[in-house]
Every structure is written in C-alpha cells, then in structure tokens.
Amino acid sequence: MQGRTYCVQAPTKVQPHLPVVLVLHGFGSNGDSQAHYFGLDDRVDPRGFLLVKPNGTRNSGGQRYWNVSGPDDVSYLTAVLDDVLAAYGADPRRLLVVGHSNGGFMAHRLACERSERIAAIVSLAGAVYPALCHPSQPVSILDVRGTADPLVKYEGGTLLRLGPYVSAVTTVDFWARADGCQPAHRSQPSRGLLCSSSSDHPETAVESYSGCPAGISVEQWRQDGVGHIPNFALPGWPDAVLDFLLAHPKP
C-alpha cells in the first residue's frame, strides 16, 4: 500500500467485533468528504461501527479515482480491510461497503471480486459489469438510483473513463440471479425514505427480490426525478443505509 492513504473513525469506546463500513468516494472526491456527504461521521458513536475512509489514486490532473476495471484497487482495498481487522479486532463477518458514482462502481467490483469476504454493499449511482463479475458467494446488494441522473443514467449508457455500463434494472437483476433469488416484486412506494435534490421529497420505490438465500437481500431504491448528487440534508439517508448494511452480516 505504499503511497496510499486511508483514515479510520472509531467509536469513543472501541470494542472487539465491531462492524466495518468502508466508504468509497466518487471521482475527484476523497474519503473524508464522501463520509461527510453521506452523513456517516455522526453515526459512528450511536451506531457503533468502524468507518473506514480510503482515498483513490490521483490521475494526471490530480483527481482521485478508483480503478474499477482493474485489480489494483481491489487488492488495495482488501489490504485496507485486513489492516482494520488486525488493528481493531473487527468482525470479519460484517465487512460492509457504501460508495457513490465511481465509488459505487467500485463497491460492485469489490462484491464481485471479494464475495467470500464482503457481506453487503450500498451503491449510489453505480452499476455492475456483468461480464467481469463472477461472485463465489452471495452478497447482499442495495442499489440506489435517480431516474434523472445525467451522468450515470438509469437506463444505462457510456462513461468516458469507464466505457459502456448497464442499466439499474440490469444491475439488480444480475445480482438477483447471482445470489440465487427469485423474480422481483415491487413494494408500495414509500415517501421520504431518502432526501432529494429538490425542496420536496419524491417517493422512493423500493424493489426487492424474494426467494434469496437466508440472510441475503437484493434491493433497488429508485427515486424519480432525482439526479447524480442528491441532497442528503435530512437524516433519513445515513440511517436507512446503515440499517440495510448492519442487518446483513455474512451468513
């Protein structure tokens, strides 16, 4: 990990076997900024987890990013998790990941490449690469997408740095099949589960998959009319995300 940095925010009272939440920043951001944007910093003490904030590699323009299509960052992030497990005596069954945009793509990649270790991920504005994803074990997946995202489009598209990517529906359908779940069923939309980029709070349509292996969930939260960087000023987002992650240890 020469030249690579990360920070760990621990609860005031560190105990053995705490869960680990790895937060992966978007392109050009950093671990501290991403954790603050997600509102996770203030939840470390009341929820009792280790918040790990790594930083991606800088490109030629000085912007930090994750190498989604290559193995280097998978190895780096695995080494970070190993460090945290050794230093804090953390729970190896609760290695949890949340990422945004480039970090959301990277969260999916970690679930693909380290499915035997990663228990659950939450990806905001990310997608899986089905042709590159061959998980050996089920992983709980929560994919969060805005239908008005102009960058990572709900229906799929092409990104300059990442190439073609699949739609939100294809992403969760892939994971449902990979995890051994049954076809999707949609719940009634719930208002105010997440915050939006506008002054009103759009309905969040929650789609889940039945028939998954015990302890495994695959969900998508779809926000109609929400863009790439939602406003998470209200407290719903961090607690909802942590509720999902902490409820899904490795079976």
Protein backbone atom coordinates (compact mmCIF):
# COMPACT_ATOMS: atom_id res chain seq x y z
CA MET A 1 0.00 0.00 0.00
CA GLN A 2 2.98 2.30 -0.48
CA GLY A 3 1.82 5.87 -1.14
CA ARG A 4 -1.83 5.08 -0.41
CA THR A 5 -3.71 6.63 2.50
CA TYR A 6 -6.85 5.90 4.49
CA CYS A 7 -8.42 7.01 7.77
CA VAL A 8 -10.42 5.12 10.37
CA GLN A 9 -13.04 6.81 12.54
CA ALA A 10 -13.77 4.65 15.57
CA PRO A 11 -16.40 4.96 18.29
CA THR A 12 -15.37 6.57 21.57
CA LYS A 13 -15.49 3.14 23.19
CA VAL A 14 -13.84 0.65 20.87
CA GLN A 15 -14.97 -2.92 21.46
CA PRO A 16 -13.99 -6.16 19.75
CA HIS A 17 -16.00 -7.44 16.80
CA LEU A 18 -17.32 -4.09 15.58
CA PRO A 19 -18.66 -3.96 12.02
CA VAL A 20 -16.59 -2.19 9.37
CA VAL A 21 -18.17 0.28 6.94
CA LEU A 22 -15.87 1.11 4.02
CA VAL A 23 -16.92 4.33 2.24
CA LEU A 24 -15.76 4.80 -1.36
CA HIS A 25 -15.73 8.32 -2.75
CA GLY A 26 -16.77 9.49 -6.20
CA PHE A 27 -14.40 10.69 -8.91
CA GLY A 28 -12.40 13.72 -7.76
CA SER A 29 -13.53 13.48 -4.15
CA ASN A 30 -11.86 11.86 -1.11
CA GLY A 31 -12.76 9.61 1.78
CA ASP A 32 -13.41 12.34 4.36
CA SER A 33 -15.59 14.41 2.03
CA GLN A 34 -17.62 11.38 0.95
CA ALA A 35 -18.25 10.26 4.52
CA HIS A 36 -19.37 13.77 5.43
CA TYR A 37 -21.68 14.00 2.41
CA PHE A 38 -23.26 10.66 3.30
CA GLY A 39 -23.72 11.81 6.91
CA LEU A 40 -21.90 8.79 8.28
CA ASP A 41 -19.44 10.55 10.59
CA ASP A 42 -22.12 11.46 13.13
CA ARG A 43 -23.43 7.88 13.21
CA VAL A 44 -20.19 6.19 14.28
CA ASP A 45 -20.75 6.57 18.03
CA PRO A 46 -24.53 5.99 18.26
CA ARG A 47 -24.50 3.07 15.81
CA GLY A 48 -21.19 1.54 16.93
CA PHE A 49 -19.12 0.78 13.84
CA LEU A 50 -15.69 1.49 12.35
CA LEU A 51 -15.88 3.98 9.48
CA VAL A 52 -13.01 3.44 7.03
CA LYS A 53 -12.26 6.25 4.57
CA PRO A 54 -9.69 5.34 1.91
CA ASN A 55 -8.51 7.62 -0.89
CA GLY A 56 -8.22 6.65 -4.53
CA THR A 57 -5.22 7.15 -6.78
CA ARG A 58 -4.62 10.59 -8.31
CA ASN A 59 -4.78 10.86 -12.09
CA SER A 60 -2.63 13.17 -14.21
CA GLY A 61 -4.92 16.07 -13.29
CA GLY A 62 -4.62 15.41 -9.56
CA GLN A 63 -8.16 13.99 -9.20
CA ARG A 64 -8.65 10.89 -7.09
CA TYR A 65 -10.41 7.89 -8.63
CA TRP A 66 -10.94 4.13 -8.32
CA ASN A 67 -9.68 1.73 -10.98
CA VAL A 68 -12.97 -0.09 -11.48
CA SER A 69 -11.91 -2.32 -14.36
CA GLY A 70 -8.54 -3.44 -12.99
CA PRO A 71 -7.33 -5.47 -10.00
CA ASP A 72 -5.07 -2.90 -8.32
CA ASP A 73 -7.71 -1.20 -6.20
CA VAL A 74 -9.35 -4.50 -5.29
CA SER A 75 -6.02 -5.58 -3.81
CA TYR A 76 -5.51 -2.22 -2.11
CA LEU A 77 -8.96 -2.15 -0.50
CA THR A 78 -8.61 -5.76 0.58
CA ALA A 79 -5.34 -4.83 2.29
CA VAL A 80 -7.07 -1.88 3.99
CA LEU A 81 -9.75 -4.20 5.36
CA ASP A 82 -7.10 -6.64 6.55
CA ASP A 83 -5.32 -3.80 8.37
CA VAL A 84 -8.51 -2.73 10.12
CA LEU A 85 -9.39 -6.29 11.11
CA ALA A 86 -5.94 -6.78 12.63
CA ALA A 87 -5.73 -3.38 14.35
CA TYR A 88 -9.22 -3.28 15.87
CA GLY A 89 -10.26 -6.92 16.15
CA ALA A 90 -13.23 -6.07 13.91
CA ASP A 91 -15.90 -8.55 12.84
CA PRO A 92 -14.83 -10.38 9.64
CA ARG A 93 -18.48 -11.30 9.01
CA ARG A 94 -19.51 -7.64 8.81
CA LEU A 95 -17.31 -6.07 6.13
CA LEU A 96 -19.70 -3.55 4.58
CA VAL A 97 -19.24 -1.12 1.68
CA VAL A 98 -21.02 2.05 0.56
CA GLY A 99 -19.97 4.09 -2.47
CA HIS A 100 -21.08 6.89 -4.77
CA SER A 101 -20.62 7.13 -8.55
CA ASN A 102 -17.06 5.91 -9.30
CA GLY A 103 -17.10 4.58 -5.73
CA GLY A 104 -20.45 2.89 -6.38
CA PHE A 105 -18.99 1.07 -9.37
CA MET A 106 -16.04 0.10 -7.17
CA ALA A 107 -18.39 -1.21 -4.46
CA HIS A 108 -19.95 -3.54 -7.03
CA ARG A 109 -16.48 -4.63 -8.16
CA LEU A 110 -15.46 -5.45 -4.60
CA ALA A 111 -18.61 -7.52 -4.16
CA CYS A 112 -17.74 -9.37 -7.37
CA GLU A 113 -14.07 -9.99 -6.59
CA ARG A 114 -14.27 -10.48 -2.82
CA SER A 115 -17.70 -12.07 -2.41
CA GLU A 116 -16.28 -14.53 0.10
CA ARG A 117 -15.49 -11.61 2.41
CA ILE A 118 -17.82 -8.68 1.64
CA ALA A 119 -21.17 -9.11 3.40
CA ALA A 120 -23.18 -6.26 1.87
CA ILE A 121 -22.83 -3.15 -0.28
CA VAL A 122 -24.82 0.00 -0.96
CA SER A 123 -24.13 1.63 -4.32
CA LEU A 124 -25.46 5.11 -5.15
CA ALA A 125 -25.21 5.94 -8.89
CA GLY A 126 -23.07 2.91 -9.72
CA ALA A 127 -23.50 -0.27 -11.73
CA VAL A 128 -22.12 -3.77 -12.07
CA TYR A 129 -20.13 -5.08 -15.03
CA PRO A 130 -21.80 -8.48 -15.55
CA ALA A 131 -19.11 -9.84 -17.88
CA LEU A 132 -16.43 -9.17 -15.24
CA CYS A 133 -18.43 -10.31 -12.21
CA HIS A 134 -18.18 -13.92 -11.04
CA PRO A 135 -19.00 -13.99 -7.30
CA SER A 136 -18.33 -17.26 -5.50
CA GLN A 137 -20.76 -16.46 -2.66
CA PRO A 138 -23.97 -14.41 -2.33
CA VAL A 139 -23.61 -10.75 -1.29
CA SER A 140 -26.44 -8.51 -0.09
CA ILE A 141 -26.89 -5.63 -2.54
CA LEU A 142 -28.70 -2.29 -2.28
CA ASP A 143 -28.57 -0.27 -5.50
CA VAL A 144 -29.81 3.34 -5.24
CA ARG A 145 -30.53 5.26 -8.43
CA GLY A 146 -32.10 8.53 -9.53
CA THR A 147 -34.05 8.41 -12.78
CA ALA A 148 -32.88 11.91 -13.77
CA ASP A 149 -29.15 11.25 -13.28
CA PRO A 150 -27.50 12.77 -16.39
CA LEU A 151 -24.11 11.14 -15.72
CA VAL A 152 -24.84 7.56 -14.63
CA LYS A 153 -28.12 7.11 -16.44
CA TYR A 154 -30.85 4.90 -15.05
CA GLU A 155 -31.27 3.18 -18.42
CA GLY A 156 -27.51 2.63 -18.86
CA GLY A 157 -25.06 4.35 -21.19
CA THR A 158 -21.36 5.07 -21.69
CA LEU A 159 -18.91 6.94 -19.46
CA LEU A 160 -15.71 8.46 -20.79
CA ARG A 161 -13.47 6.80 -18.22
CA LEU A 162 -15.42 3.58 -17.65
CA GLY A 163 -16.93 2.78 -21.05
CA PRO A 164 -20.39 1.22 -21.51
CA TYR A 165 -22.35 0.34 -18.36
CA VAL A 166 -25.62 -1.50 -17.85
CA SER A 167 -28.93 -0.11 -16.59
CA ALA A 168 -30.11 -0.01 -12.99
CA VAL A 169 -32.61 -2.80 -13.69
CA THR A 170 -29.94 -4.98 -15.32
CA THR A 171 -27.65 -4.39 -12.33
CA VAL A 172 -30.09 -5.66 -9.71
CA ASP A 173 -31.38 -8.44 -11.99
CA PHE A 174 -27.79 -9.65 -12.36
CA TRP A 175 -27.25 -9.74 -8.60
CA ALA A 176 -30.60 -11.44 -8.00
CA ARG A 177 -29.58 -14.24 -10.35
CA ALA A 178 -26.02 -14.42 -8.98
CA ASP A 179 -27.35 -14.60 -5.42
CA GLY A 180 -29.96 -17.24 -6.27
CA CYS A 181 -33.03 -15.06 -5.66
CA GLN A 182 -36.41 -15.25 -7.38
CA PRO A 183 -38.01 -12.62 -9.70
CA ALA A 184 -38.59 -9.16 -8.30
CA HIS A 185 -41.69 -7.84 -6.63
CA ARG A 186 -42.25 -4.13 -6.04
CA SER A 187 -43.46 -2.76 -2.73
CA GLN A 188 -45.66 0.28 -2.42
CA PRO A 189 -43.56 3.45 -2.84
CA SER A 190 -42.56 4.97 0.50
CA ARG A 191 -42.35 8.76 0.82
CA GLY A 192 -39.37 10.44 2.45
CA LEU A 193 -37.15 7.35 2.81
CA LEU A 194 -34.35 9.32 1.16
CA CYS A 195 -33.91 13.02 0.52
CA SER A 196 -33.97 14.57 -2.91
CA SER A 197 -32.17 17.32 -4.75
CA SER A 198 -35.36 19.40 -4.71
CA SER A 199 -37.31 21.02 -1.89
CA ASP A 200 -40.00 18.33 -1.92
CA HIS A 201 -39.35 14.68 -1.14
CA PRO A 202 -40.14 12.32 -4.01
CA GLU A 203 -41.45 8.87 -3.44
CA THR A 204 -38.81 6.17 -3.22
CA ALA A 205 -39.89 3.00 -4.97
CA VAL A 206 -38.35 0.04 -3.16
CA GLU A 207 -37.95 -3.10 -5.26
CA SER A 208 -36.83 -6.28 -3.54
CA TYR A 209 -36.29 -9.86 -4.63
CA SER A 210 -37.93 -12.83 -2.99
CA GLY A 211 -36.54 -16.31 -2.51
CA CYS A 212 -32.97 -15.23 -1.71
CA PRO A 213 -30.74 -17.46 0.42
CA ALA A 214 -31.15 -16.98 4.16
CA GLY A 215 -29.64 -13.67 5.29
CA ILE A 216 -29.25 -12.30 1.75
CA SER A 217 -31.18 -9.34 0.29
CA VAL A 218 -31.14 -7.68 -3.13
CA GLU A 219 -32.93 -4.31 -3.32
CA GLN A 220 -33.17 -1.26 -5.51
CA TRP A 221 -34.30 2.17 -4.31
CA ARG A 222 -35.48 4.23 -7.27
CA GLN A 223 -36.04 7.98 -6.93
CA ASP A 224 -37.99 9.51 -9.76
CA GLY A 225 -36.65 12.88 -10.88
CA VAL A 226 -33.50 12.76 -8.73
CA GLY A 227 -30.08 13.44 -10.26
CA HIS A 228 -26.49 12.35 -9.71
CA ILE A 229 -25.82 14.13 -6.40
CA PRO A 230 -28.94 14.08 -4.20
CA ASN A 231 -29.30 16.40 -1.24
CA PHE A 232 -28.96 14.33 1.93
CA ALA A 233 -29.55 17.23 4.32
CA LEU A 234 -32.23 15.32 6.21
CA PRO A 235 -31.22 12.36 8.42
CA GLY A 236 -33.07 9.65 6.50
CA TRP A 237 -30.20 8.57 4.24
CA PRO A 238 -27.44 7.54 6.68
CA ASP A 239 -29.74 5.63 9.00
CA ALA A 240 -31.55 3.89 6.15
CA VAL A 241 -28.25 2.85 4.59
CA LEU A 242 -26.78 1.68 7.89
CA ASP A 243 -29.99 -0.22 8.69
CA PHE A 244 -29.53 -2.20 5.47
CA LEU A 245 -25.79 -2.80 5.89
CA LEU A 246 -25.82 -3.74 9.57
CA ALA A 247 -28.77 -6.09 9.07
CA HIS A 248 -26.81 -8.22 6.61
CA PRO A 249 -23.72 -9.88 8.11
CA LYS A 250 -22.11 -12.69 6.18
CA PRO A 251 -24.34 -15.75 6.66
